[in-house]
C-alpha atoms as a PDB file:
ATOM      1  CA  ALA A   1     -67.478 -16.453 -22.651  1.00  0.00           C
ATOM      2  CA  PHE A   2     -68.938 -18.251 -19.630  1.00  0.00           C
ATOM      3  CA  LEU A   3     -67.199 -18.970 -16.358  1.00  0.00           C
ATOM      4  CA  THR A   4     -68.425 -22.185 -14.705  1.00  0.00           C
ATOM      5  CA  ASN A   5     -70.200 -21.323 -11.424  1.00  0.00           C
ATOM      6  CA  ALA A   6     -69.306 -17.654 -11.843  1.00  0.00           C
ATOM      7  CA  GLY A   7     -71.612 -16.113 -14.462  1.00  0.00           C
ATOM      8  CA  ASP A   8     -71.310 -14.573 -17.881  1.00  0.00           C
ATOM      9  CA  SER A   9     -68.312 -12.581 -19.008  1.00  0.00           C
ATOM     10  CA  ARG A  10     -67.116 -10.554 -21.944  1.00  0.00           C
ATOM     11  CA  SER A  11     -63.623 -10.970 -23.309  1.00  0.00           C
ATOM     12  CA  TRP A  12     -61.806  -9.291 -26.144  1.00  0.00           C
ATOM     13  CA  GLY A  13     -58.437  -9.483 -27.802  1.00  0.00           C
ATOM     14  CA  LEU A  14     -56.251  -8.333 -30.644  1.00  0.00           C
ATOM     15  CA  GLU A  15     -53.292 -10.295 -31.986  1.00  0.00           C
ATOM     16  CA  ALA A  16     -50.620  -9.579 -34.606  1.00  0.00           C
ATOM     17  CA  GLU A  17     -47.942 -11.813 -36.068  1.00  0.00           C
ATOM     18  CA  LEU A  18     -45.140 -11.190 -38.525  1.00  0.00           C
ATOM     19  CA  THR A  19     -42.878 -13.890 -39.954  1.00  0.00           C
ATOM     20  CA  ALA A  20     -40.034 -13.283 -42.387  1.00  0.00           C
ATOM     21  CA  ARG A  21     -37.557 -15.601 -44.036  1.00  0.00           C
ATOM     22  CA  ARG A  22     -34.380 -14.392 -45.701  1.00  0.00           C
ATOM     23  CA  ASP A  23     -31.198 -15.827 -47.149  1.00  0.00           C
ATOM     24  CA  LEU A  24     -28.246 -14.629 -45.117  1.00  0.00           C
ATOM     25  CA  GLY A  25     -24.761 -15.640 -46.204  1.00  0.00           C
ATOM     26  CA  ASP A  26     -24.829 -19.358 -46.975  1.00  0.00           C
ATOM     27  CA  GLY A  27     -27.755 -19.945 -44.633  1.00  0.00           C
ATOM     28  CA  GLN A  28     -31.322 -18.974 -44.010  1.00  0.00           C
ATOM     29  CA  LEU A  29     -32.700 -16.712 -41.273  1.00  0.00           C
ATOM     30  CA  ARG A  30     -36.318 -16.887 -40.082  1.00  0.00           C
ATOM     31  CA  ILE A  31     -37.687 -14.259 -37.720  1.00  0.00           C
ATOM     32  CA  SER A  32     -41.115 -14.284 -36.050  1.00  0.00           C
ATOM     33  CA  LEU A  33     -42.655 -11.475 -33.996  1.00  0.00           C
ATOM     34  CA  ASN A  34     -45.938 -11.871 -32.099  1.00  0.00           C
ATOM     35  CA  GLY A  35     -47.936  -9.613 -29.848  1.00  0.00           C
ATOM     36  CA  SER A  36     -51.384  -9.553 -28.333  1.00  0.00           C
ATOM     37  CA  ARG A  37     -53.551  -7.376 -26.138  1.00  0.00           C
ATOM     38  CA  GLN A  38     -56.512  -8.910 -24.351  1.00  0.00           C
ATOM     39  CA  GLY A  39     -58.857  -8.400 -21.459  1.00  0.00           C
ATOM     40  CA  GLY A  40     -62.368  -8.871 -20.194  1.00  0.00           C
ATOM     41  CA  GLU A  41     -64.604  -8.878 -17.172  1.00  0.00           C
ATOM     42  CA  VAL A  42     -67.347 -10.865 -15.538  1.00  0.00           C
ATOM     43  CA  THR A  43     -70.723  -9.333 -16.453  1.00  0.00           C
ATOM     44  CA  SER A  44     -73.159 -11.185 -14.154  1.00  0.00           C
ATOM     45  CA  GLY A  45     -73.280 -13.069 -10.873  1.00  0.00           C
ATOM     46  CA  ARG A  46     -71.369 -12.564  -7.667  1.00  0.00           C
ATOM     47  CA  TYR A  47     -68.105 -11.683  -9.485  1.00  0.00           C
ATOM     48  CA  ALA A  48     -69.657  -9.055 -11.792  1.00  0.00           C
ATOM     49  CA  GLY A  49     -67.163  -6.295 -12.558  1.00  0.00           C
ATOM     50  CA  LEU A  50     -64.033  -8.351 -11.810  1.00  0.00           C
ATOM     51  CA  SER A  51     -61.334  -8.920 -14.425  1.00  0.00           C
ATOM     52  CA  LEU A  52     -61.023 -12.318 -16.047  1.00  0.00           C
ATOM     53  CA  PRO A  53     -58.377 -14.420 -14.266  1.00  0.00           C
ATOM     54  CA  GLN A  54     -55.282 -15.838 -15.959  1.00  0.00           C
ATOM     55  CA  THR A  55     -55.627 -13.342 -18.816  1.00  0.00           C
ATOM     56  CA  PRO A  56     -52.450 -11.267 -19.137  1.00  0.00           C
ATOM     57  CA  GLY A  57     -53.057  -7.779 -20.508  1.00  0.00           C
ATOM     58  CA  TRP A  58     -50.193  -8.083 -22.960  1.00  0.00           C
ATOM     59  CA  LEU A  59     -48.256 -11.016 -24.441  1.00  0.00           C
ATOM     60  CA  ALA A  60     -45.224 -10.754 -26.694  1.00  0.00           C
ATOM     61  CA  SER A  61     -42.770 -13.140 -28.295  1.00  0.00           C
ATOM     62  CA  ALA A  62     -39.959 -13.024 -30.801  1.00  0.00           C
ATOM     63  CA  GLU A  63     -37.916 -15.822 -32.290  1.00  0.00           C
ATOM     64  CA  ALA A  64     -34.911 -15.936 -34.603  1.00  0.00           C
ATOM     65  CA  ASN A  65     -33.679 -19.159 -36.228  1.00  0.00           C
ATOM     66  CA  TYR A  66     -30.599 -19.439 -38.410  1.00  0.00           C
ATOM     67  CA  ARG A  67     -29.314 -22.517 -40.280  1.00  0.00           C
ATOM     68  CA  ALA A  68     -26.242 -22.658 -42.479  1.00  0.00           C
ATOM     69  CA  PRO A  69     -24.067 -25.377 -43.989  1.00  0.00           C
ATOM     70  CA  VAL A  70     -20.573 -25.615 -42.534  1.00  0.00           C
ATOM     71  CA  GLY A  71     -18.583 -28.154 -44.529  1.00  0.00           C
ATOM     72  CA  ALA A  72     -20.412 -31.491 -44.410  1.00  0.00           C
ATOM     73  CA  VAL A  73     -22.695 -30.488 -41.494  1.00  0.00           C
ATOM     74  CA  GLU A  74     -25.392 -27.893 -40.863  1.00  0.00           C
ATOM     75  CA  ALA A  75     -25.003 -25.456 -37.965  1.00  0.00           C
ATOM     76  CA  PHE A  76     -28.029 -23.816 -36.373  1.00  0.00           C
ATOM     77  CA  GLY A  77     -28.900 -21.273 -33.744  1.00  0.00           C
ATOM     78  CA  ASN A  78     -32.151 -20.209 -32.140  1.00  0.00           C
ATOM     79  CA  ILE A  79     -33.068 -17.466 -29.718  1.00  0.00           C
ATOM     80  CA  ALA A  80     -36.596 -17.088 -28.326  1.00  0.00           C
ATOM     81  CA  TYR A  81     -38.058 -14.250 -26.238  1.00  0.00           C
ATOM     82  CA  ASN A  82     -41.366 -14.491 -24.342  1.00  0.00           C
ATOM     83  CA  ALA A  83     -43.008 -11.865 -22.150  1.00  0.00           C
ATOM     84  CA  GLN A  84     -46.251 -11.049 -20.357  1.00  0.00           C
ATOM     85  CA  TRP A  85     -47.581  -7.985 -18.563  1.00  0.00           C
ATOM     86  CA  GLY A  86     -50.719  -7.321 -16.530  1.00  0.00           C
ATOM     87  CA  GLY A  87     -53.691  -9.409 -15.489  1.00  0.00           C
ATOM     88  CA  VAL A  88     -54.851 -11.078 -12.298  1.00  0.00           C
ATOM     89  CA  GLN A  89     -54.331 -14.605 -11.038  1.00  0.00           C
ATOM     90  CA  GLU A  90     -57.732 -15.482  -9.534  1.00  0.00           C
ATOM     91  CA  LEU A  91     -61.366 -14.467  -9.753  1.00  0.00           C
ATOM     92  CA  SER A  92     -61.597 -12.468  -6.532  1.00  0.00           C
ATOM     93  CA  ALA A  93     -61.461  -8.850  -5.454  1.00  0.00           C
ATOM     94  CA  THR A  94     -58.198  -9.491  -3.577  1.00  0.00           C
ATOM     95  CA  SER A  95     -56.495 -11.565  -6.287  1.00  0.00           C
ATOM     96  CA  PRO A  96     -52.760 -11.083  -6.697  1.00  0.00           C
ATOM     97  CA  GLU A  97     -51.661  -9.658 -10.019  1.00  0.00           C
ATOM     98  CA  LEU A  98     -49.962 -11.940 -12.508  1.00  0.00           C
ATOM     99  CA  SER A  99     -46.219 -11.395 -12.519  1.00  0.00           C
ATOM    100  CA  ASP A 100     -44.768  -9.429 -15.379  1.00  0.00           C
ATOM    101  CA  PHE A 101     -41.832 -11.259 -16.930  1.00  0.00           C
ATOM    102  CA  GLN A 102     -39.455 -11.446 -19.861  1.00  0.00           C
ATOM    103  CA  VAL A 103     -37.608 -14.711 -20.564  1.00  0.00           C
ATOM    104  CA  VAL A 104     -35.000 -15.584 -23.199  1.00  0.00           C
ATOM    105  CA  ASN A 105     -34.093 -19.129 -24.308  1.00  0.00           C
ATOM    106  CA  ALA A 106     -31.175 -19.960 -26.613  1.00  0.00           C
ATOM    107  CA  ARG A 107     -29.941 -23.021 -28.501  1.00  0.00           C
ATOM    108  CA  LEU A 108     -26.854 -23.679 -30.680  1.00  0.00           C
ATOM    109  CA  GLY A 109     -26.029 -26.890 -32.437  1.00  0.00           C
ATOM    110  CA  VAL A 110     -24.893 -28.957 -35.369  1.00  0.00           C
ATOM    111  CA  ASP A 111     -26.747 -31.488 -37.549  1.00  0.00           C
ATOM    112  CA  PHE A 112     -24.687 -34.458 -38.743  1.00  0.00           C
ATOM    113  CA  GLY A 113     -27.416 -35.991 -40.912  1.00  0.00           C
ATOM    114  CA  LYS A 114     -29.339 -38.280 -38.558  1.00  0.00           C
ATOM    115  CA  ILE A 115     -27.472 -37.066 -35.467  1.00  0.00           C
ATOM    116  CA  GLN A 116     -27.910 -33.647 -33.874  1.00  0.00           C
ATOM    117  CA  LEU A 117     -25.807 -32.186 -31.058  1.00  0.00           C
ATOM    118  CA  ALA A 118     -26.972 -28.985 -29.358  1.00  0.00           C
ATOM    119  CA  ALA A 119     -26.263 -26.829 -26.322  1.00  0.00           C
ATOM    120  CA  TYR A 120     -29.148 -24.914 -24.794  1.00  0.00           C
ATOM    121  CA  ALA A 121     -29.991 -22.435 -22.083  1.00  0.00           C
ATOM    122  CA  ASP A 122     -33.582 -21.984 -20.950  1.00  0.00           C
ATOM    123  CA  ASN A 123     -34.219 -18.763 -19.007  1.00  0.00           C
ATOM    124  CA  LEU A 124     -30.822 -17.523 -20.170  1.00  0.00           C
ATOM    125  CA  PHE A 125     -30.733 -14.462 -17.881  1.00  0.00           C
ATOM    126  CA  ASP A 126     -32.035 -16.418 -14.844  1.00  0.00           C
ATOM    127  CA  THR A 127     -35.178 -14.282 -14.519  1.00  0.00           C
ATOM    128  CA  VAL A 128     -37.187 -15.101 -11.386  1.00  0.00           C
ATOM    129  CA  PHE A 129     -40.902 -14.343 -11.171  1.00  0.00           C
ATOM    130  CA  ILE A 130     -43.927 -15.666  -9.290  1.00  0.00           C
ATOM    131  CA  VAL A 131     -45.932 -18.264 -11.208  1.00  0.00           C
ATOM    132  CA  ALA A 132     -48.691 -18.704  -8.598  1.00  0.00           C
ATOM    133  CA  GLN A 133     -49.424 -17.432  -5.112  1.00  0.00           C
ATOM    134  CA  ASP A 134     -52.063 -17.344  -2.426  1.00  0.00           C
ATOM    135  CA  PRO A 135     -51.892 -16.768   1.333  1.00  0.00           C
ATOM    136  CA  THR A 136     -50.134 -20.102   1.928  1.00  0.00           C
ATOM    137  CA  ILE A 137     -47.973 -20.644  -1.183  1.00  0.00           C
ATOM    138  CA  LYS A 138     -45.674 -18.790  -3.495  1.00  0.00           C
ATOM    139  CA  ARG A 139     -44.425 -20.757  -6.519  1.00  0.00           C
ATOM    140  CA  TYR A 140     -41.527 -19.273  -8.478  1.00  0.00           C
ATOM    141  CA  SER A 141     -40.459 -19.709 -12.086  1.00  0.00           C
ATOM    142  CA  ARG A 142     -37.898 -22.276 -13.093  1.00  0.00           C
ATOM    143  CA  PRO A 143     -34.331 -20.945 -12.822  1.00  0.00           C
ATOM    144  CA  ARG A 144     -31.826 -21.027 -15.661  1.00  0.00           C
ATOM    145  CA  VAL A 145     -31.386 -24.532 -17.040  1.00  0.00           C
ATOM    146  CA  THR A 146     -28.459 -25.383 -19.319  1.00  0.00           C
ATOM    147  CA  GLY A 147     -27.525 -28.592 -20.987  1.00  0.00           C
ATOM    148  CA  LEU A 148     -26.384 -30.612 -23.953  1.00  0.00           C
ATOM    149  CA  GLN A 149     -28.735 -32.633 -26.094  1.00  0.00           C
ATOM    150  CA  LEU A 150     -27.860 -35.517 -28.405  1.00  0.00           C
ATOM    151  CA  ARG A 151     -30.604 -36.567 -30.824  1.00  0.00           C
ATOM    152  CA  TYR A 152     -30.805 -39.423 -33.295  1.00  0.00           C
ATOM    153  CA  SER A 153     -33.464 -39.546 -36.055  1.00  0.00           C
ATOM    154  CA  TRP A 154     -34.448 -42.798 -37.719  1.00  0.00           C
END
């Protein structure tokens, strides 16, 4: 890896993914699990020895999707989990650490052929974490967002 105007660096990572699909009742359940561990450091130049910025130490996600016929329509549900731990925000000795977080999104709905109606909640548990910061700013994550969605497919 090479950092523009910073020098050479070495990065490494390991990632694993598992996806399973199974019939459950009249419907079908799909589950996905993902995890990764990564890191690295600058190896030359004025930042030699510093950790790579915007590289969380750990990332994890899990998702479950279920679809099942209910009379003449198809009902569905989805829950998604995303998390990150470790890492630094910027390439400097005094860089703030990246915020650790865990966020859950959920969605429930019904397909009526070409029309889909769904209710959703992003950031279901209203988790607040810092997305970016420096001495003059502190930007926070988006709060819980809920809504209804109506979709038409041609």
